[in-house]
Amino acid sequence: MAPDESVVQIEGPWTHRAVHAGGTRFHVVEAGEGPLVLLLHGFPQFWWTWRHQLTSLAAAGYRAVAADLRGYGGSDKPPRGYDLPTLAADATGLIRALGETCATVVGHDWGGLLAWTMAVLDPKCVHRLVVVSAPHPLRVRRSLVADPFGQLKASRRAIGFQLPLLPEHRLTRHDAALVGRLLDERSRPGWPAPDESRTYREAFRIPAVAHSALEYHRWFGRSQVRPDGRRYARAMRTPVEAPTLQVHGALDPVVLPRTALGSSRYVAAPYRWRLMEGAGHFPHEEVADVFDTELLGWLNDPEPDR
């Protein structure tokens, strides 16, 4: 039997609550007091990917809030709305629903793509930007064409997600064993531990999560040749005006470091690039201590370097 949303109500030094933004209910997890840091997860995960940062940010004097994105975990799972502009509007609506006008936004993977999008489409909401394992969306578009034996080949699983129905079945059968394999394939040797993998597999088996998660990939792929995708690409040419920290794992096999590295051309504000040795696609979990030291050092720097 498929698990219900209670599996994401994991206890810890944080509080769980529901926040409504733009007609959608989001499950958020909050720790600490101070300036708001909004944490946005990627695929195939949920808010728990930020468990280390919830603790370290709270201890450093920040209000850390990790959200389940639309379609994931304990958040609503509507049939549509999985395009990056809508997802970015979800996140900016969350900031306002949390009682703030702006926040530092930290996004990993798909959370990173929508964080880039927030910084362009609603720049007043993004005080500072941190993107993890997530090139600027225009870098992704360009690299899929310009680097067929590199980034295109590395993205072959995501290309397979364009098929209807079958990918959902493959991801959830055998207690979501494929989710565990994806985590193993994309990370350094030794991560995740069996209990970590089991937690992500259980959360991915919540009804409608697999379909919702795949709709992110399907919109991005299919929109490349549609008017909405072309409008999005034109809008994303606007330079990012928020100070930006970009973190990438040197061993990332799915989003190649060379794809991410060219993102600085889209940032007009102070920009810092950090390549984390010994980490794959999930540096905030694989090398959490190193990641947190970098993140907190940058957040506490009143004048982050270019």
Protein backbone atom coordinates (compact mmCIF):
# COMPACT_ATOMS: atom_id res chain seq x y z
CA MET A 1 0.00 0.00 0.00
CA ALA A 2 1.28 3.47 -0.87
CA PRO A 3 2.27 5.67 2.08
CA ASP A 4 0.36 8.85 2.91
CA GLU A 5 1.68 12.35 3.52
CA SER A 6 2.43 11.61 7.15
CA VAL A 7 5.76 10.07 6.09
CA VAL A 8 7.18 13.57 5.50
CA GLN A 9 6.25 14.76 9.01
CA ILE A 10 9.72 13.86 10.26
CA GLU A 11 10.49 15.08 13.76
CA GLY A 12 13.50 17.22 14.58
CA PRO A 13 14.53 20.63 15.93
CA TRP A 14 11.99 22.30 13.66
CA THR A 15 8.24 22.83 13.33
CA HIS A 16 5.86 21.70 10.61
CA ARG A 17 2.96 23.77 9.32
CA ALA A 18 0.83 24.48 6.28
CA VAL A 19 1.08 27.80 4.46
CA HIS A 20 -1.33 28.91 1.73
CA ALA A 21 -0.03 30.90 -1.22
CA GLY A 22 -1.86 31.66 -4.45
CA GLY A 23 -4.61 29.17 -3.71
CA THR A 24 -2.17 26.30 -3.09
CA ARG A 25 -1.36 24.69 0.25
CA PHE A 26 2.33 24.13 0.96
CA HIS A 27 3.90 22.04 3.68
CA VAL A 28 6.82 23.95 5.21
CA VAL A 29 9.32 23.17 7.94
CA GLU A 30 10.73 26.05 9.96
CA ALA A 31 13.59 26.57 12.41
CA GLY A 32 15.21 29.61 14.00
CA GLU A 33 14.55 33.34 14.04
CA GLY A 34 16.09 36.14 12.01
CA PRO A 35 16.39 36.99 8.31
CA LEU A 36 14.42 34.56 6.16
CA VAL A 37 16.23 31.88 4.17
CA LEU A 38 13.89 29.89 1.90
CA LEU A 39 15.14 26.41 0.98
CA LEU A 40 13.83 24.78 -2.22
CA HIS A 41 14.54 21.10 -2.93
CA GLY A 42 15.04 19.20 -6.16
CA PHE A 43 14.25 15.83 -7.73
CA PRO A 44 13.61 13.17 -6.44
CA GLN A 45 13.52 14.59 -2.93
CA PHE A 46 11.44 16.75 -0.55
CA TRP A 47 12.02 19.27 2.25
CA TRP A 48 14.13 16.79 4.27
CA THR A 49 17.08 17.28 1.91
CA TRP A 50 17.74 20.52 3.90
CA ARG A 51 17.74 18.91 7.37
CA HIS A 52 21.40 19.85 7.97
CA GLN A 53 20.91 23.44 6.84
CA LEU A 54 17.74 23.92 8.90
CA THR A 55 19.86 23.26 11.97
CA SER A 56 22.98 25.21 10.97
CA LEU A 57 21.10 28.26 9.69
CA ALA A 58 18.94 28.43 12.80
CA ALA A 59 22.04 28.22 15.01
CA ALA A 60 23.62 31.07 13.01
CA GLY A 61 20.70 33.45 13.58
CA TYR A 62 18.56 32.87 10.52
CA ARG A 63 14.93 31.86 10.06
CA ALA A 64 15.25 28.79 7.83
CA VAL A 65 12.15 27.53 6.02
CA ALA A 66 12.25 24.40 3.84
CA ALA A 67 9.21 23.85 1.66
CA ASP A 68 7.80 20.88 -0.20
CA LEU A 69 7.42 22.14 -3.76
CA ARG A 70 4.13 21.89 -5.61
CA GLY A 71 3.38 18.22 -6.19
CA TYR A 72 5.78 16.89 -3.55
CA GLY A 73 5.58 15.64 0.03
CA GLY A 74 2.84 17.27 2.07
CA SER A 75 2.06 20.08 -0.40
CA ASP A 76 -0.89 20.16 -2.78
CA LYS A 77 -0.62 18.12 -5.97
CA PRO A 78 -2.77 19.91 -8.56
CA PRO A 79 -3.01 18.54 -12.10
CA ARG A 80 -1.16 21.48 -13.65
CA GLY A 81 1.15 24.37 -12.83
CA TYR A 82 4.53 22.65 -13.18
CA ASP A 83 6.10 25.27 -15.44
CA LEU A 84 8.95 27.34 -14.02
CA PRO A 85 7.09 30.69 -14.02
CA THR A 86 4.23 29.19 -11.98
CA LEU A 87 6.62 27.41 -9.62
CA ALA A 88 8.55 30.66 -9.12
CA ALA A 89 5.28 32.45 -8.35
CA ASP A 90 4.55 29.72 -5.77
CA ALA A 91 7.84 30.49 -4.02
CA THR A 92 7.48 34.26 -4.08
CA GLY A 93 3.95 33.83 -2.76
CA LEU A 94 5.37 31.68 0.03
CA ILE A 95 7.78 34.45 1.03
CA ARG A 96 4.90 36.89 1.37
CA ALA A 97 2.71 34.33 3.16
CA LEU A 98 5.54 33.90 5.67
CA GLY A 99 5.24 37.60 6.44
CA GLU A 100 8.28 38.85 4.53
CA THR A 101 8.77 40.92 1.37
CA CYS A 102 12.04 39.25 0.37
CA ALA A 103 14.36 36.41 1.36
CA THR A 104 17.63 34.73 0.63
CA VAL A 105 16.60 31.88 -1.67
CA VAL A 106 18.58 28.64 -1.71
CA GLY A 107 17.60 26.16 -4.41
CA HIS A 108 18.95 22.75 -5.39
CA ASP A 109 18.38 21.07 -8.76
CA TRP A 110 14.80 21.98 -9.83
CA GLY A 111 14.61 24.24 -6.79
CA GLY A 112 17.66 25.99 -8.20
CA LEU A 113 16.08 26.46 -11.62
CA LEU A 114 13.02 28.05 -10.07
CA ALA A 115 15.27 30.18 -7.81
CA TRP A 116 17.00 31.56 -10.92
CA THR A 117 13.52 32.21 -12.32
CA MET A 118 12.38 34.03 -9.18
CA ALA A 119 15.43 36.30 -9.30
CA VAL A 120 14.50 37.39 -12.83
CA LEU A 121 10.69 37.46 -12.79
CA ASP A 122 10.23 38.91 -9.28
CA PRO A 123 13.64 40.35 -8.35
CA LYS A 124 12.40 42.36 -5.35
CA CYS A 125 11.61 39.07 -3.58
CA VAL A 126 15.17 37.73 -3.80
CA HIS A 127 17.63 39.44 -1.46
CA ARG A 128 20.40 36.95 -2.19
CA LEU A 129 20.49 33.87 -4.41
CA VAL A 130 22.18 30.51 -3.79
CA VAL A 131 21.94 27.87 -6.50
CA VAL A 132 23.16 24.32 -5.95
CA SER A 133 23.69 21.85 -8.80
CA ALA A 134 21.58 24.09 -11.04
CA PRO A 135 22.89 26.02 -14.06
CA HIS A 136 21.02 29.07 -15.25
CA PRO A 137 18.06 27.76 -17.32
CA LEU A 138 19.45 29.27 -20.51
CA ARG A 139 22.72 27.44 -19.92
CA VAL A 140 20.76 24.20 -19.71
CA ARG A 141 18.95 24.92 -22.98
CA ARG A 142 22.16 25.84 -24.76
CA SER A 143 24.23 22.93 -23.43
CA LEU A 144 21.68 20.32 -24.50
CA VAL A 145 22.27 21.44 -28.08
CA ALA A 146 25.93 22.49 -27.99
CA ASP A 147 27.25 19.57 -25.90
CA PRO A 148 25.57 16.42 -27.29
CA PHE A 149 28.23 14.01 -26.01
CA GLY A 150 28.39 15.74 -22.62
CA GLN A 151 25.33 17.41 -21.10
CA LEU A 152 22.80 15.88 -23.52
CA LYS A 153 24.14 12.39 -22.81
CA ALA A 154 24.16 13.10 -19.06
CA SER A 155 20.48 14.14 -19.31
CA ARG A 156 19.31 10.95 -20.99
CA ARG A 157 17.14 9.84 -18.06
CA ALA A 158 15.34 13.19 -18.04
CA ILE A 159 14.75 12.85 -21.76
CA GLY A 160 13.15 9.45 -21.09
CA PHE A 161 10.80 11.14 -18.61
CA GLN A 162 9.02 12.78 -21.55
CA LEU A 163 7.12 9.54 -22.18
CA PRO A 164 3.60 9.35 -20.68
CA LEU A 165 2.73 7.03 -17.75
CA LEU A 166 5.60 4.55 -18.12
CA PRO A 167 8.18 6.64 -16.19
CA GLU A 168 5.78 6.99 -13.24
CA HIS A 169 5.44 3.22 -13.10
CA ARG A 170 9.18 2.64 -13.31
CA LEU A 171 9.89 5.15 -10.54
CA THR A 172 7.38 3.76 -8.04
CA ARG A 173 7.49 -0.02 -8.59
CA HIS A 174 9.39 -2.26 -6.18
CA ASP A 175 9.05 0.31 -3.39
CA ALA A 176 10.53 3.05 -5.60
CA ALA A 177 13.81 1.16 -6.06
CA LEU A 178 14.69 3.35 -9.06
CA VAL A 179 14.59 6.45 -6.85
CA GLY A 180 17.26 4.83 -4.70
CA ARG A 181 19.34 4.02 -7.78
CA LEU A 182 19.07 7.60 -9.02
CA LEU A 183 20.40 8.88 -5.69
CA ASP A 184 23.26 6.36 -5.82
CA GLU A 185 24.16 7.14 -9.43
CA ARG A 186 24.26 10.90 -8.89
CA SER A 187 26.22 11.06 -5.63
CA ARG A 188 29.68 10.28 -4.29
CA PRO A 189 30.42 6.70 -3.17
CA GLY A 190 29.00 6.05 0.30
CA TRP A 191 26.01 8.39 0.07
CA PRO A 192 23.13 7.99 0.69
CA ALA A 193 23.03 5.66 3.66
CA PRO A 194 20.32 2.98 3.45
CA ASP A 195 18.00 4.81 5.85
CA GLU A 196 18.36 8.07 3.89
CA SER A 197 17.55 6.29 0.64
CA ARG A 198 14.55 4.61 2.25
CA THR A 199 13.19 7.97 3.43
CA TYR A 200 13.29 9.42 -0.09
CA ARG A 201 11.83 6.29 -1.62
CA GLU A 202 8.90 6.31 0.80
CA ALA A 203 8.15 10.00 0.15
CA PHE A 204 8.20 9.43 -3.60
CA ARG A 205 5.54 6.73 -3.29
CA ILE A 206 2.97 9.18 -1.89
CA PRO A 207 0.11 9.16 -4.43
CA ALA A 208 0.53 11.68 -7.29
CA VAL A 209 4.11 12.65 -6.33
CA ALA A 210 5.76 10.69 -9.15
CA HIS A 211 3.45 12.16 -11.77
CA SER A 212 3.84 15.70 -10.43
CA ALA A 213 7.63 15.41 -10.28
CA LEU A 214 7.80 14.20 -13.86
CA GLU A 215 5.60 17.07 -15.04
CA TYR A 216 8.50 19.44 -14.18
CA HIS A 217 10.70 17.57 -16.66
CA ARG A 218 7.96 17.34 -19.25
CA TRP A 219 7.24 21.07 -19.23
CA PHE A 220 10.90 21.96 -19.56
CA GLY A 221 11.42 19.52 -22.41
CA ARG A 222 8.27 20.22 -24.40
CA SER A 223 8.30 23.97 -23.89
CA GLN A 224 11.54 24.29 -25.83
CA VAL A 225 9.54 24.34 -29.06
CA ARG A 226 6.35 26.01 -27.77
CA PRO A 227 5.47 29.71 -27.50
CA ASP A 228 5.41 29.60 -23.68
CA GLY A 229 8.95 28.23 -23.63
CA ARG A 230 10.19 30.89 -26.03
CA ARG A 231 8.57 33.62 -23.91
CA TYR A 232 10.23 32.18 -20.83
CA ALA A 233 13.63 32.08 -22.52
CA ARG A 234 13.31 35.71 -23.64
CA ALA A 235 12.39 36.79 -20.12
CA MET A 236 15.34 34.90 -18.63
CA ARG A 237 17.82 36.97 -20.64
CA THR A 238 17.35 39.73 -18.05
CA PRO A 239 20.44 39.74 -15.82
CA VAL A 240 20.12 38.66 -12.18
CA GLU A 241 20.58 41.64 -9.85
CA ALA A 242 20.85 39.67 -6.59
CA PRO A 243 24.27 38.70 -5.18
CA THR A 244 24.70 35.07 -6.21
CA LEU A 245 26.53 32.06 -4.82
CA GLN A 246 26.70 29.08 -7.14
CA VAL A 247 27.77 25.74 -5.64
CA HIS A 248 28.44 22.62 -7.65
CA GLY A 249 29.81 19.17 -6.92
CA ALA A 250 32.94 18.30 -8.86
CA LEU A 251 31.69 14.72 -9.32
CA ASP A 252 28.17 15.65 -10.50
CA PRO A 253 27.39 13.21 -13.35
CA VAL A 254 23.95 14.54 -14.28
CA VAL A 255 24.55 18.31 -14.39
CA LEU A 256 28.12 18.67 -15.58
CA PRO A 257 30.24 21.32 -13.84
CA ARG A 258 31.14 22.84 -17.20
CA THR A 259 27.43 23.36 -17.91
CA ALA A 260 26.92 25.19 -14.63
CA LEU A 261 30.11 27.24 -14.85
CA GLY A 262 28.89 29.44 -17.69
CA SER A 263 25.98 30.79 -15.63
CA SER A 264 27.92 33.84 -14.42
CA ARG A 265 27.23 35.62 -17.70
CA TYR A 266 23.61 36.02 -16.59
CA VAL A 267 24.47 37.68 -13.25
CA ALA A 268 25.05 41.43 -13.07
CA ALA A 269 25.55 41.43 -9.27
CA PRO A 270 28.47 40.11 -7.18
CA TYR A 271 28.91 36.44 -8.05
CA ARG A 272 30.85 33.62 -6.40
CA TRP A 273 31.48 30.15 -7.85
CA ARG A 274 32.40 27.24 -5.58
CA LEU A 275 33.25 23.77 -6.89
CA MET A 276 33.07 21.22 -4.07
CA GLU A 277 35.57 18.41 -4.40
CA GLY A 278 34.40 14.95 -3.44
CA ALA A 279 30.71 15.79 -3.95
CA GLY A 280 28.25 14.73 -6.61
CA HIS A 281 24.82 16.16 -7.32
CA PHE A 282 23.86 16.66 -3.64
CA PRO A 283 26.72 18.64 -2.02
CA HIS A 284 24.48 20.04 0.75
CA GLU A 285 23.99 16.45 1.96
CA GLU A 286 27.12 14.64 0.78
CA VAL A 287 29.55 17.18 2.30
CA ALA A 288 27.13 19.05 4.56
CA ASP A 289 29.77 20.54 6.88
CA VAL A 290 31.81 21.96 4.00
CA PHE A 291 28.67 23.25 2.31
CA ASP A 292 27.36 24.91 5.47
CA THR A 293 30.70 26.62 6.13
CA GLU A 294 30.65 28.06 2.61
CA LEU A 295 27.00 29.08 2.79
CA LEU A 296 27.21 30.78 6.18
CA GLY A 297 30.46 32.52 5.32
CA TRP A 298 28.88 33.98 2.21
CA LEU A 299 25.63 34.94 3.95
CA ASN A 300 27.57 36.75 6.68
CA ASP A 301 29.76 38.63 4.20
CA PRO A 302 28.27 42.13 3.82
CA GLU A 303 30.04 42.59 0.47
CA PRO A 304 30.26 39.21 -1.31
CA ASP A 305 32.96 39.18 -3.93
CA ARG A 306 32.52 38.95 -7.65
